[in-house]
Protein backbone atom coordinates (compact mmCIF):
# COMPACT_ATOMS: atom_id res chain seq x y z
CA UNK A 1 12.54 43.09 -22.99
CA UNK A 2 12.00 39.36 -23.46
CA UNK A 3 13.53 38.56 -20.04
CA UNK A 4 11.27 41.02 -18.26
CA UNK A 5 8.20 39.60 -20.02
CA UNK A 6 9.15 36.05 -18.95
CA UNK A 7 9.81 37.23 -15.40
CA UNK A 8 6.41 38.98 -15.29
CA UNK A 9 4.62 35.90 -16.67
CA UNK A 10 6.40 33.67 -14.18
CA UNK A 11 5.41 35.92 -11.28
CA UNK A 12 1.80 36.04 -12.42
CA UNK A 13 1.79 32.25 -12.81
CA UNK A 14 3.10 31.73 -9.28
CA UNK A 15 0.54 34.15 -7.86
CA UNK A 16 -2.25 32.31 -9.68
CA UNK A 17 -1.05 28.97 -8.28
CA UNK A 18 -0.98 30.34 -4.73
CA UNK A 19 -4.43 31.87 -5.20
CA UNK A 20 -5.70 28.49 -6.40
CA UNK A 21 -4.46 26.83 -3.20
CA UNK A 22 -5.99 29.39 -0.83
CA UNK A 23 -9.45 27.73 -0.76
CA UNK A 24 -7.80 24.57 0.60
CA UNK A 25 -6.75 26.41 3.75
CA UNK A 26 -10.36 27.09 4.65
CA UNK A 27 -11.65 23.54 4.13
CA UNK A 28 -9.65 21.91 6.92
CA UNK A 29 -6.97 20.40 4.68
CA UNK A 30 -4.23 18.77 6.75
CA UNK A 31 -1.15 16.88 5.63
CA UNK A 32 -1.66 13.13 6.00
CA UNK A 33 1.53 12.44 7.94
CA UNK A 34 1.59 15.56 10.15
CA UNK A 35 1.25 15.42 13.94
CA UNK A 36 -2.29 15.78 15.26
CA UNK A 37 -3.27 17.94 18.24
CA UNK A 38 -2.28 15.20 20.69
CA UNK A 39 1.17 14.82 19.11
CA UNK A 40 0.45 11.43 17.50
CA UNK A 41 1.40 10.70 13.93
CA UNK A 42 -0.01 8.38 11.30
CA UNK A 43 3.47 6.89 10.86
CA UNK A 44 3.47 5.81 14.53
CA UNK A 45 0.13 4.09 14.09
CA UNK A 46 1.25 2.38 10.88
CA UNK A 47 4.41 1.14 12.62
CA UNK A 48 2.22 -0.54 15.27
CA UNK A 49 0.64 -2.92 12.72
CA UNK A 50 1.72 -6.56 12.63
CA UNK A 51 1.29 -7.98 9.15
CA UNK A 52 0.13 -11.58 9.20
CA UNK A 53 2.46 -13.72 7.03
CA UNK A 54 1.10 -15.23 3.83
CA UNK A 55 2.02 -18.70 2.62
CA UNK A 56 3.15 -18.62 -1.00
CA UNK A 57 5.87 -16.62 -2.75
CA UNK A 58 3.49 -13.90 -3.96
CA UNK A 59 2.19 -13.55 -0.41
CA UNK A 60 5.73 -13.24 0.91
CA UNK A 61 6.46 -10.50 -1.60
CA UNK A 62 3.28 -8.64 -0.59
CA UNK A 63 4.22 -9.03 3.08
CA UNK A 64 7.65 -7.55 2.40
CA UNK A 65 6.30 -4.62 0.36
CA UNK A 66 3.79 -3.79 3.10
CA UNK A 67 6.38 -4.16 5.85
CA UNK A 68 8.68 -1.75 4.02
CA UNK A 69 5.86 0.78 3.81
CA UNK A 70 4.19 0.36 7.20
CA UNK A 71 6.98 -0.54 9.58
CA UNK A 72 10.39 -0.16 7.96
CA UNK A 73 12.12 -0.90 11.29
CA UNK A 74 10.66 -4.41 11.36
CA UNK A 75 7.57 -5.98 12.87
CA UNK A 76 6.53 -4.26 16.11
CA UNK A 77 7.36 -6.07 19.36
CA UNK A 78 4.03 -5.06 20.93
CA UNK A 79 1.62 -4.42 18.04
CA UNK A 80 -1.66 -2.55 18.52
CA UNK A 81 -3.13 -3.83 15.27
CA UNK A 82 -3.02 -6.84 13.00
CA UNK A 83 -3.34 -6.72 9.21
CA UNK A 84 -4.69 -9.82 7.48
CA UNK A 85 -4.66 -10.25 3.73
CA UNK A 86 -6.16 -12.59 1.17
CA UNK A 87 -4.63 -12.45 -2.32
CA UNK A 88 -6.16 -13.57 -5.59
CA UNK A 89 -4.53 -13.49 -8.98
CA UNK A 90 -6.07 -13.91 -12.41
CA UNK A 91 -4.31 -14.09 -15.79
CA UNK A 92 -6.13 -13.19 -19.00
CA UNK A 93 -4.48 -13.76 -22.34
CA UNK A 94 -5.05 -11.08 -24.98
CA UNK A 95 -3.74 -10.31 -28.43
CA UNK A 96 -4.16 -13.73 -30.03
CA UNK A 97 -2.30 -14.44 -33.27
CA UNK A 98 -3.72 -16.36 -36.22
CA UNK A 99 -2.09 -19.54 -34.91
CA UNK A 100 -4.04 -19.02 -31.65
CA UNK A 101 -1.02 -18.14 -29.50
CA UNK A 102 -1.33 -15.21 -27.15
CA UNK A 103 1.04 -12.26 -27.45
CA UNK A 104 -0.16 -10.16 -24.51
CA UNK A 105 -1.60 -10.87 -21.09
CA UNK A 106 -3.21 -9.01 -18.22
CA UNK A 107 -2.44 -9.95 -14.65
CA UNK A 108 -5.10 -8.85 -12.17
CA UNK A 109 -4.13 -8.94 -8.50
CA UNK A 110 -6.79 -8.43 -5.83
CA UNK A 111 -6.07 -8.13 -2.12
CA UNK A 112 -8.77 -8.14 0.51
CA UNK A 113 -7.41 -6.67 3.72
CA UNK A 114 -8.67 -6.54 7.28
CA UNK A 115 -7.27 -4.31 10.03
CA UNK A 116 -8.00 -5.85 13.42
CA UNK A 117 -7.47 -4.55 16.93
CA UNK A 118 -4.76 -6.73 18.45
CA UNK A 119 -6.30 -7.46 21.85
CA UNK A 120 -9.96 -7.88 20.99
CA UNK A 121 -9.75 -8.98 17.35
CA UNK A 122 -12.39 -6.38 16.52
CA UNK A 123 -12.40 -5.40 12.84
CA UNK A 124 -11.53 -1.72 12.45
CA UNK A 125 -11.23 -1.47 8.67
CA UNK A 126 -11.64 -3.75 5.70
CA UNK A 127 -11.27 -3.18 2.01
CA UNK A 128 -10.27 -4.49 -1.36
CA UNK A 129 -7.44 -3.23 -3.51
CA UNK A 130 -6.95 -4.26 -7.12
CA UNK A 131 -4.26 -3.71 -9.71
CA UNK A 132 -4.15 -4.83 -13.33
CA UNK A 133 -0.83 -4.91 -15.15
CA UNK A 134 -0.02 -6.08 -18.66
CA UNK A 135 2.95 -7.86 -20.12
CA UNK A 136 4.09 -9.31 -23.42
CA UNK A 137 4.14 -13.04 -24.02
CA UNK A 138 7.31 -13.54 -26.02
CA UNK A 139 8.60 -16.41 -28.13
CA UNK A 140 11.35 -17.10 -25.60
CA UNK A 141 9.75 -18.83 -22.56
CA UNK A 142 12.38 -17.45 -20.18
CA UNK A 143 11.74 -13.89 -21.36
CA UNK A 144 7.99 -14.42 -20.93
CA UNK A 145 8.52 -15.70 -17.40
CA UNK A 146 10.61 -12.65 -16.52
CA UNK A 147 8.02 -10.35 -18.10
CA UNK A 148 5.22 -11.98 -16.06
CA UNK A 149 7.28 -11.77 -12.88
CA UNK A 150 7.88 -8.06 -13.46
CA UNK A 151 4.15 -7.45 -14.05
CA UNK A 152 3.34 -9.30 -10.82
CA UNK A 153 5.86 -7.24 -8.86
CA UNK A 154 4.42 -4.00 -10.28
CA UNK A 155 0.91 -5.10 -9.29
CA UNK A 156 2.06 -6.02 -5.78
CA UNK A 157 3.73 -2.63 -5.34
CA UNK A 158 0.61 -0.79 -6.51
CA UNK A 159 -1.63 -2.76 -4.16
CA UNK A 160 0.77 -2.26 -1.24
CA UNK A 161 0.85 1.49 -1.91
CA UNK A 162 -2.95 1.61 -2.04
CA UNK A 163 -3.32 -0.33 1.22
CA UNK A 164 -0.79 1.94 2.94
CA UNK A 165 -2.65 5.04 1.80
CA UNK A 166 -6.01 3.69 2.90
CA UNK A 167 -4.66 2.73 6.31
CA UNK A 168 -3.06 6.16 6.69
CA UNK A 169 -6.35 7.88 5.82
CA UNK A 170 -8.15 5.66 8.35
CA UNK A 171 -5.70 6.56 11.13
CA UNK A 172 -5.79 10.24 10.20
CA UNK A 173 -9.58 10.33 10.38
CA UNK A 174 -9.88 8.58 13.76
């Protein structure tokens, strides 16, 4: 009896989920990375972006995260687009003890990005992506340095993911 009740509830639940998704079919919903009518894909467009190198270590990490997401086979030999970035980072100390030493910090990473047409240099898309991550400031300076480095890497990954998504949406809508 209990098994049949669970089976019935599971079936009803699945039917309700499918019924909830039916309105999406009528609104023109399309998968982001699917082929369009001409046979082009967003992934092909993303792979045609050359990412302009950045100078410091944080910029190199951002470049690598974006390259892994946009063109995992390496920089394109004949790019159609160029992606330029400007990174800014701000640290804010929080959680101050009675002896005025901080125990927690926020790291805010902001990237302004510009997608340019390779031949003409015409700006196709620009935007700003921001991520704030927190980390503990520990008594051991080495542990604090590692904690800050991990927070920076998490922020860079989040910003790279956001930029990839925004570029994909741009290419899907054009």
